[in-house]
Amino acid sequence: ACETGPSDQMGIPPNAECGLLSVPVDWDNADDPDGDVAQLALPRIKATGEKIGSLLINPGGPGESGKESAASMSGTLPAELQERF
């Protein structure tokens, strides 16, 4: 389960795992080993069957938690997607 803090837990399923994705701040210089990176917090819901890849959901927009939106959307995806991604 995600263990980031009480206010971050609303709407995140108990089977979610937490992770961080490092991305370059400046994509024009993404290969610079000394370049700045940003850490994006992501919940992960594992595939229910044989995994064939990853599906990243970006709900976008201001005003709500992206982590909660992405995690809650996971249960609304077609069974075929939940099974393989």
PDB file of N, CA and C in Angstrom:
ATOM      1  N   ALA A   1       0.846  -1.193   0.000  1.00  0.00           N
ATOM      2  CA  ALA A   1       0.000   0.000   0.000  1.00  0.00           C
ATOM      3  C   ALA A   1       0.880   1.242   0.000  1.00  0.00           C
ATOM      4  N   CYS A   2       0.335   2.328  -0.486  1.00  0.00           N
ATOM      5  CA  CYS A   2       1.062   3.602  -0.493  1.00  0.00           C
ATOM      6  C   CYS A   2       1.112   4.162   0.916  1.00  0.00           C
ATOM      7  N   GLU A   3       2.274   4.577   1.349  1.00  0.00           N
ATOM      8  CA  GLU A   3       2.484   5.073   2.711  1.00  0.00           C
ATOM      9  C   GLU A   3       3.034   6.496   2.704  1.00  0.00           C
ATOM     10  N   THR A   4       2.375   7.421   2.027  1.00  0.00           N
ATOM     11  CA  THR A   4       2.922   8.765   1.918  1.00  0.00           C
ATOM     12  C   THR A   4       2.378   9.719   2.967  1.00  0.00           C
ATOM     13  N   GLY A   5       1.197   9.507   3.460  1.00  0.00           N
ATOM     14  CA  GLY A   5       0.600  10.379   4.465  1.00  0.00           C
ATOM     15  C   GLY A   5      -0.910  10.299   4.389  1.00  0.00           C
ATOM     16  N   PRO A   6      -1.601  10.630   5.492  1.00  0.00           N
ATOM     17  CA  PRO A   6      -3.058  10.475   5.537  1.00  0.00           C
ATOM     18  C   PRO A   6      -3.793  11.236   4.438  1.00  0.00           C
ATOM     19  N   SER A   7      -3.355  12.447   4.123  1.00  0.00           N
ATOM     20  CA  SER A   7      -4.077  13.224   3.122  1.00  0.00           C
ATOM     21  C   SER A   7      -3.846  12.707   1.706  1.00  0.00           C
ATOM     22  N   ASP A   8      -2.836  11.869   1.508  1.00  0.00           N
ATOM     23  CA  ASP A   8      -2.553  11.323   0.186  1.00  0.00           C
ATOM     24  C   ASP A   8      -3.254   9.993  -0.060  1.00  0.00           C
ATOM     25  N   GLN A   9      -3.973   9.472   0.907  1.00  0.00           N
ATOM     26  CA  GLN A   9      -4.520   8.128   0.807  1.00  0.00           C
ATOM     27  C   GLN A   9      -5.940   8.058   0.270  1.00  0.00           C
ATOM     28  N   MET A  10      -6.654   9.152   0.248  1.00  0.00           N
ATOM     29  CA  MET A  10      -8.052   9.112  -0.176  1.00  0.00           C
ATOM     30  C   MET A  10      -8.148   8.658  -1.630  1.00  0.00           C
ATOM     31  N   GLY A  11      -8.947   7.653  -1.882  1.00  0.00           N
ATOM     32  CA  GLY A  11      -9.192   7.200  -3.236  1.00  0.00           C
ATOM     33  C   GLY A  11      -8.146   6.266  -3.817  1.00  0.00           C
ATOM     34  N   ILE A  12      -7.093   5.964  -3.082  1.00  0.00           N
ATOM     35  CA  ILE A  12      -6.064   5.065  -3.599  1.00  0.00           C
ATOM     36  C   ILE A  12      -6.365   3.655  -3.099  1.00  0.00           C
ATOM     37  N   PRO A  13      -6.558   2.693  -4.013  1.00  0.00           N
ATOM     38  CA  PRO A  13      -6.899   1.332  -3.600  1.00  0.00           C
ATOM     39  C   PRO A  13      -5.820   0.718  -2.711  1.00  0.00           C
ATOM     40  N   PRO A  14      -6.208  -0.174  -1.799  1.00  0.00           N
ATOM     41  CA  PRO A  14      -5.238  -0.783  -0.888  1.00  0.00           C
ATOM     42  C   PRO A  14      -4.197  -1.652  -1.603  1.00  0.00           C
ATOM     43  N   ASN A  15      -4.484  -2.093  -2.828  1.00  0.00           N
ATOM     44  CA  ASN A  15      -3.517  -2.920  -3.561  1.00  0.00           C
ATOM     45  C   ASN A  15      -2.521  -2.081  -4.365  1.00  0.00           C
ATOM     46  N   ALA A  16      -2.578  -0.763  -4.226  1.00  0.00           N
ATOM     47  CA  ALA A  16      -1.648   0.114  -4.949  1.00  0.00           C
ATOM     48  C   ALA A  16      -0.276   0.092  -4.288  1.00  0.00           C
ATOM     49  N   GLU A  17       0.747   0.137  -5.116  1.00  0.00           N
ATOM     50  CA  GLU A  17       2.119   0.283  -4.643  1.00  0.00           C
ATOM     51  C   GLU A  17       2.572   1.682  -5.019  1.00  0.00           C
ATOM     52  N   CYS A  18       3.429   2.288  -4.207  1.00  0.00           N
ATOM     53  CA  CYS A  18       3.941   3.628  -4.503  1.00  0.00           C
ATOM     54  C   CYS A  18       5.289   3.535  -5.191  1.00  0.00           C
ATOM     55  N   GLY A  19       5.536   4.497  -6.036  1.00  0.00           N
ATOM     56  CA  GLY A  19       6.828   4.575  -6.694  1.00  0.00           C
ATOM     57  C   GLY A  19       7.132   5.996  -7.100  1.00  0.00           C
ATOM     58  N   LEU A  20       8.366   6.217  -7.482  1.00  0.00           N
ATOM     59  CA  LEU A  20       8.801   7.517  -7.981  1.00  0.00           C
ATOM     60  C   LEU A  20       9.362   7.326  -9.381  1.00  0.00           C
ATOM     61  N   LEU A  21       8.997   8.220 -10.274  1.00  0.00           N
ATOM     62  CA  LEU A  21       9.516   8.227 -11.630  1.00  0.00           C
ATOM     63  C   LEU A  21      10.373   9.472 -11.780  1.00  0.00           C
ATOM     64  N   SER A  22      11.647   9.287 -12.106  1.00  0.00           N
ATOM     65  CA  SER A  22      12.563  10.415 -12.304  1.00  0.00           C
ATOM     66  C   SER A  22      12.499  10.858 -13.755  1.00  0.00           C
ATOM     67  N   VAL A  23      12.273  12.146 -13.961  1.00  0.00           N
ATOM     68  CA  VAL A  23      12.214  12.703 -15.312  1.00  0.00           C
ATOM     69  C   VAL A  23      13.095  13.944 -15.378  1.00  0.00           C
ATOM     70  N   PRO A  24      13.722  14.186 -16.534  1.00  0.00           N
ATOM     71  CA  PRO A  24      14.556  15.384 -16.646  1.00  0.00           C
ATOM     72  C   PRO A  24      13.699  16.645 -16.623  1.00  0.00           C
ATOM     73  N   VAL A  25      14.198  17.673 -15.966  1.00  0.00           N
ATOM     74  CA  VAL A  25      13.506  18.961 -15.946  1.00  0.00           C
ATOM     75  C   VAL A  25      13.632  19.629 -17.313  1.00  0.00           C
ATOM     76  N   ASP A  26      14.783  19.457 -17.951  1.00  0.00           N
ATOM     77  CA  ASP A  26      15.045  20.064 -19.255  1.00  0.00           C
ATOM     78  C   ASP A  26      15.221  18.953 -20.285  1.00  0.00           C
ATOM     79  N   TRP A  27      14.160  18.651 -21.036  1.00  0.00           N
ATOM     80  CA  TRP A  27      14.214  17.558 -22.002  1.00  0.00           C
ATOM     81  C   TRP A  27      15.181  17.846 -23.148  1.00  0.00           C
ATOM     82  N   ASP A  28      15.498  19.116 -23.393  1.00  0.00           N
ATOM     83  CA  ASP A  28      16.476  19.439 -24.438  1.00  0.00           C
ATOM     84  C   ASP A  28      17.877  18.986 -24.049  1.00  0.00           C
ATOM     85  N   ASN A  29      18.101  18.797 -22.763  1.00  0.00           N
ATOM     86  CA  ASN A  29      19.401  18.344 -22.258  1.00  0.00           C
ATOM     87  C   ASN A  29      19.234  17.102 -21.388  1.00  0.00           C
ATOM     88  N   ALA A  30      18.330  16.225 -21.781  1.00  0.00           N
ATOM     89  CA  ALA A  30      18.005  15.043 -20.977  1.00  0.00           C
ATOM     90  C   ALA A  30      19.189  14.101 -20.784  1.00  0.00           C
ATOM     91  N   ASP A  31      20.166  14.135 -21.682  1.00  0.00           N
ATOM     92  CA  ASP A  31      21.329  13.246 -21.571  1.00  0.00           C
ATOM     93  C   ASP A  31      22.413  13.789 -20.650  1.00  0.00           C
ATOM     94  N   ASP A  32      22.239  14.998 -20.134  1.00  0.00           N
ATOM     95  CA  ASP A  32      23.230  15.613 -19.245  1.00  0.00           C
ATOM     96  C   ASP A  32      23.179  14.922 -17.883  1.00  0.00           C
ATOM     97  N   PRO A  33      24.251  14.189 -17.495  1.00  0.00           N
ATOM     98  CA  PRO A  33      24.230  13.477 -16.208  1.00  0.00           C
ATOM     99  C   PRO A  33      24.134  14.415 -15.004  1.00  0.00           C
ATOM    100  N   ASP A  34      24.479  15.690 -15.194  1.00  0.00           N
ATOM    101  CA  ASP A  34      24.389  16.660 -14.099  1.00  0.00           C
ATOM    102  C   ASP A  34      23.106  17.483 -14.163  1.00  0.00           C
ATOM    103  N   GLY A  35      22.216  17.154 -15.097  1.00  0.00           N
ATOM    104  CA  GLY A  35      20.973  17.909 -15.258  1.00  0.00           C
ATOM    105  C   GLY A  35      20.008  17.662 -14.110  1.00  0.00           C
ATOM    106  N   ASP A  36      19.143  18.633 -13.880  1.00  0.00           N
ATOM    107  CA  ASP A  36      18.140  18.508 -12.821  1.00  0.00           C
ATOM    108  C   ASP A  36      17.072  17.496 -13.213  1.00  0.00           C
ATOM    109  N   VAL A  37      16.573  16.776 -12.211  1.00  0.00           N
ATOM    110  CA  VAL A  37      15.477  15.834 -12.424  1.00  0.00           C
ATOM    111  C   VAL A  37      14.347  16.150 -11.457  1.00  0.00           C
ATOM    112  N   ALA A  38      13.149  15.821 -11.868  1.00  0.00           N
ATOM    113  CA  ALA A  38      11.971  15.939 -11.006  1.00  0.00           C
ATOM    114  C   ALA A  38      11.518  14.528 -10.656  1.00  0.00           C
ATOM    115  N   GLN A  39      10.994  14.365  -9.460  1.00  0.00           N
ATOM    116  CA  GLN A  39      10.474  13.077  -9.004  1.00  0.00           C
ATOM    117  C   GLN A  39       8.946  13.139  -9.036  1.00  0.00           C
ATOM    118  N   LEU A  40       8.325  12.264  -9.807  1.00  0.00           N
ATOM    119  CA  LEU A  40       6.872  12.191  -9.877  1.00  0.00           C
ATOM    120  C   LEU A  40       6.400  10.999  -9.051  1.00  0.00           C
ATOM    121  N   ALA A  41       5.489  11.245  -8.118  1.00  0.00           N
ATOM    122  CA  ALA A  41       4.935  10.164  -7.295  1.00  0.00           C
ATOM    123  C   ALA A  41       3.831   9.475  -8.085  1.00  0.00           C
ATOM    124  N   LEU A  42       3.910   8.149  -8.158  1.00  0.00           N
ATOM    125  CA  LEU A  42       2.942   7.375  -8.929  1.00  0.00           C
ATOM    126  C   LEU A  42       2.447   6.185  -8.126  1.00  0.00           C
ATOM    127  N   PRO A  43       1.133   5.928  -8.144  1.00  0.00           N
ATOM    128  CA  PRO A  43       0.648   4.656  -7.612  1.00  0.00           C
ATOM    129  C   PRO A  43       0.707   3.622  -8.737  1.00  0.00           C
ATOM    130  N   ARG A  44       0.975   2.381  -8.385  1.00  0.00           N
ATOM    131  CA  ARG A  44       1.019   1.312  -9.379  1.00  0.00           C
ATOM    132  C   ARG A  44       0.048   0.220  -8.977  1.00  0.00           C
ATOM    133  N   ILE A  45      -0.756  -0.192  -9.928  1.00  0.00           N
ATOM    134  CA  ILE A  45      -1.645  -1.339  -9.755  1.00  0.00           C
ATOM    135  C   ILE A  45      -1.099  -2.422 -10.682  1.00  0.00           C
ATOM    136  N   LYS A  46      -0.722  -3.557 -10.115  1.00  0.00           N
ATOM    137  CA  LYS A  46      -0.133  -4.627 -10.925  1.00  0.00           C
ATOM    138  C   LYS A  46      -1.173  -5.266 -11.840  1.00  0.00           C
ATOM    139  N   ALA A  47      -0.690  -5.775 -12.971  1.00  0.00           N
ATOM    140  CA  ALA A  47      -1.533  -6.518 -13.898  1.00  0.00           C
ATOM    141  C   ALA A  47      -2.082  -7.750 -13.185  1.00  0.00           C
ATOM    142  N   THR A  48      -3.294  -8.139 -13.547  1.00  0.00           N
ATOM    143  CA  THR A  48      -3.893  -9.319 -12.924  1.00  0.00           C
ATOM    144  C   THR A  48      -3.504 -10.604 -13.651  1.00  0.00           C
ATOM    145  N   GLY A  49      -2.960 -10.476 -14.854  1.00  0.00           N
ATOM    146  CA  GLY A  49      -2.539 -11.637 -15.635  1.00  0.00           C
ATOM    147  C   GLY A  49      -1.108 -11.462 -16.097  1.00  0.00           C
ATOM    148  N   GLU A  50      -0.795 -12.037 -17.268  1.00  0.00           N
ATOM    149  CA  GLU A  50       0.554 -11.928 -17.820  1.00  0.00           C
ATOM    150  C   GLU A  50       0.768 -10.522 -18.383  1.00  0.00           C
ATOM    151  N   LYS A  51       1.697  -9.811 -17.779  1.00  0.00           N
ATOM    152  CA  LYS A  51       1.956  -8.419 -18.148  1.00  0.00           C
ATOM    153  C   LYS A  51       2.668  -8.341 -19.495  1.00  0.00           C
ATOM    154  N   ILE A  52       2.217  -7.386 -20.352  1.00  0.00           N
ATOM    155  CA  ILE A  52       2.889  -7.176 -21.637  1.00  0.00           C
ATOM    156  C   ILE A  52       3.478  -5.773 -21.748  1.00  0.00           C
ATOM    157  N   GLY A  53       3.264  -4.937 -20.750  1.00  0.00           N
ATOM    158  CA  GLY A  53       3.789  -3.575 -20.799  1.00  0.00           C
ATOM    159  C   GLY A  53       3.256  -2.763 -19.643  1.00  0.00           C
ATOM    160  N   SER A  54       3.486  -1.468 -19.724  1.00  0.00           N
ATOM    161  CA  SER A  54       3.015  -0.544 -18.692  1.00  0.00           C
ATOM    162  C   SER A  54       2.058   0.457 -19.312  1.00  0.00           C
ATOM    163  N   LEU A  55       1.081   0.869 -18.550  1.00  0.00           N
ATOM    164  CA  LEU A  55       0.122   1.878 -18.978  1.00  0.00           C
ATOM    165  C   LEU A  55       0.191   3.010 -17.972  1.00  0.00           C
ATOM    166  N   LEU A  56       0.563   4.185 -18.427  1.00  0.00           N
ATOM    167  CA  LEU A  56       0.671   5.357 -17.563  1.00  0.00           C
ATOM    168  C   LEU A  56      -0.532   6.246 -17.823  1.00  0.00           C
ATOM    169  N   ILE A  57      -1.269   6.564 -16.770  1.00  0.00           N
ATOM    170  CA  ILE A  57      -2.445   7.421 -16.888  1.00  0.00           C
ATOM    171  C   ILE A  57      -2.086   8.803 -16.371  1.00  0.00           C
ATOM    172  N   ASN A  58      -2.311   9.815 -17.199  1.00  0.00           N
ATOM    173  CA  ASN A  58      -2.074  11.203 -16.815  1.00  0.00           C
ATOM    174  C   ASN A  58      -3.409  11.936 -16.852  1.00  0.00           C
ATOM    175  N   PRO A  59      -4.071  12.061 -15.688  1.00  0.00           N
ATOM    176  CA  PRO A  59      -5.390  12.693 -15.683  1.00  0.00           C
ATOM    177  C   PRO A  59      -5.343  14.180 -16.005  1.00  0.00           C
ATOM    178  N   GLY A  60      -4.211  14.826 -15.764  1.00  0.00           N
ATOM    179  CA  GLY A  60      -4.048  16.238 -16.092  1.00  0.00           C
ATOM    180  C   GLY A  60      -5.015  17.147 -15.358  1.00  0.00           C
ATOM    181  N   GLY A  61      -4.854  18.418 -15.564  1.00  0.00           N
ATOM    182  CA  GLY A  61      -5.755  19.408 -14.992  1.00  0.00           C
ATOM    183  C   GLY A  61      -5.469  19.732 -13.546  1.00  0.00           C
ATOM    184  N   PRO A  62      -5.698  20.980 -13.179  1.00  0.00           N
ATOM    185  CA  PRO A  62      -5.503  21.389 -11.784  1.00  0.00           C
ATOM    186  C   PRO A  62      -6.722  21.063 -10.928  1.00  0.00           C
ATOM    187  N   GLY A  63      -6.521  21.064  -9.641  1.00  0.00           N
ATOM    188  CA  GLY A  63      -7.648  20.983  -8.721  1.00  0.00           C
ATOM    189  C   GLY A  63      -7.922  19.642  -8.094  1.00  0.00           C
ATOM    190  N   GLU A  64      -7.255  18.596  -8.534  1.00  0.00           N
ATOM    191  CA  GLU A  64      -7.450  17.307  -7.876  1.00  0.00           C
ATOM    192  C   GLU A  64      -6.150  16.524  -7.918  1.00  0.00           C
ATOM    193  N   SER A  65      -6.070  15.534  -7.077  1.00  0.00           N
ATOM    194  CA  SER A  65      -4.857  14.724  -6.987  1.00  0.00           C
ATOM    195  C   SER A  65      -4.723  13.832  -8.215  1.00  0.00           C
ATOM    196  N   GLY A  66      -3.607  13.956  -8.907  1.00  0.00           N
ATOM    197  CA  GLY A  66      -3.345  13.078 -10.039  1.00  0.00           C
ATOM    198  C   GLY A  66      -3.177  11.636  -9.614  1.00  0.00           C
ATOM    199  N   LYS A  67      -2.555  11.419  -8.432  1.00  0.00           N
ATOM    200  CA  LYS A  67      -2.371  10.050  -7.929  1.00  0.00           C
ATOM    201  C   LYS A  67      -3.721   9.396  -7.681  1.00  0.00           C
ATOM    202  N   GLU A  68      -4.617  10.126  -7.012  1.00  0.00           N
ATOM    203  CA  GLU A  68      -5.927   9.554  -6.702  1.00  0.00           C
ATOM    204  C   GLU A  68      -6.734   9.305  -7.972  1.00  0.00           C
ATOM    205  N   SER A  69      -6.695  10.247  -8.910  1.00  0.00           N
ATOM    206  CA  SER A  69      -7.443  10.081 -10.157  1.00  0.00           C
ATOM    207  C   SER A  69      -6.954   8.871 -10.933  1.00  0.00           C
ATOM    208  N   ALA A  70      -5.644   8.756 -11.087  1.00  0.00           N
ATOM    209  CA  ALA A  70      -5.085   7.632 -11.840  1.00  0.00           C
ATOM    210  C   ALA A  70      -5.402   6.307 -11.162  1.00  0.00           C
ATOM    211  N   ALA A  71      -5.254   6.249  -9.848  1.00  0.00           N
ATOM    212  CA  ALA A  71      -5.521   5.005  -9.123  1.00  0.00           C
ATOM    213  C   ALA A  71      -6.994   4.630  -9.200  1.00  0.00           C
ATOM    214  N   SER A  72      -7.890   5.611  -9.066  1.00  0.00           N
ATOM    215  CA  SER A  72      -9.315   5.286  -9.108  1.00  0.00           C
ATOM    216  C   SER A  72      -9.751   4.900 -10.518  1.00  0.00           C
ATOM    217  N   MET A  73      -9.097   5.454 -11.545  1.00  0.00           N
ATOM    218  CA  MET A  73      -9.415   5.089 -12.932  1.00  0.00           C
ATOM    219  C   MET A  73      -9.053   3.645 -13.227  1.00  0.00           C
ATOM    220  N   SER A  74      -8.068   3.115 -12.516  1.00  0.00           N
ATOM    221  CA  SER A  74      -7.584   1.769 -12.822  1.00  0.00           C
ATOM    222  C   SER A  74      -8.697   0.734 -12.735  1.00  0.00           C
ATOM    223  N   GLY A  75      -9.618   0.904 -11.808  1.00  0.00           N
ATOM    224  CA  GLY A  75     -10.714  -0.044 -11.657  1.00  0.00           C
ATOM    225  C   GLY A  75     -11.791   0.088 -12.711  1.00  0.00           C
ATOM    226  N   THR A  76     -11.772   1.164 -13.488  1.00  0.00           N
ATOM    227  CA  THR A  76     -12.791   1.370 -14.514  1.00  0.00           C
ATOM    228  C   THR A  76     -12.318   0.935 -15.896  1.00  0.00           C
ATOM    229  N   LEU A  77     -11.061   0.538 -16.004  1.00  0.00           N
ATOM    230  CA  LEU A  77     -10.525   0.110 -17.296  1.00  0.00           C
ATOM    231  C   LEU A  77     -11.088  -1.256 -17.676  1.00  0.00           C
ATOM    232  N   PRO A  78     -11.196  -1.536 -18.981  1.00  0.00           N
ATOM    233  CA  PRO A  78     -11.668  -2.857 -19.408  1.00  0.00           C
ATOM    234  C   PRO A  78     -10.799  -3.967 -18.813  1.00  0.00           C
ATOM    235  N   ALA A  79     -11.411  -5.104 -18.564  1.00  0.00           N
ATOM    236  CA  ALA A  79     -10.721  -6.239 -17.947  1.00  0.00           C
ATOM    237  C   ALA A  79      -9.461  -6.626 -18.720  1.00  0.00           C
ATOM    238  N   GLU A  80      -9.509  -6.533 -20.064  1.00  0.00           N
ATOM    239  CA  GLU A  80      -8.350  -6.899 -20.879  1.00  0.00           C
ATOM    240  C   GLU A  80      -7.146  -6.013 -20.555  1.00  0.00           C
ATOM    241  N   LEU A  81      -7.381  -4.718 -20.321  1.00  0.00           N
ATOM    242  CA  LEU A  81      -6.287  -3.818 -19.964  1.00  0.00           C
ATOM    243  C   LEU A  81      -5.780  -4.108 -18.563  1.00  0.00           C
ATOM    244  N   GLN A  82      -6.698  -4.315 -17.613  1.00  0.00           N
ATOM    245  CA  GLN A  82      -6.284  -4.596 -16.238  1.00  0.00           C
ATOM    246  C   GLN A  82      -5.470  -5.880 -16.170  1.00  0.00           C
ATOM    247  N   GLU A  83      -5.798  -6.818 -17.040  1.00  0.00           N
ATOM    248  CA  GLU A  83      -5.119  -8.106 -17.048  1.00  0.00           C
ATOM    249  C   GLU A  83      -3.691  -8.016 -17.588  1.00  0.00           C
ATOM    250  N   ARG A  84      -3.471  -7.196 -18.614  1.00  0.00           N
ATOM    251  CA  ARG A  84      -2.201  -7.222 -19.336  1.00  0.00           C
ATOM    252  C   ARG A  84      -1.268  -6.057 -19.043  1.00  0.00           C
ATOM    253  N   PHE A  85      -1.764  -4.986 -18.368  1.00  0.00           N
ATOM    254  CA  PHE A  85      -0.926  -3.822 -18.082  1.00  0.00           C
ATOM    255  C   PHE A  85      -0.917  -3.530 -16.596  1.00  0.00           C
TER     256      PHE A  85
END
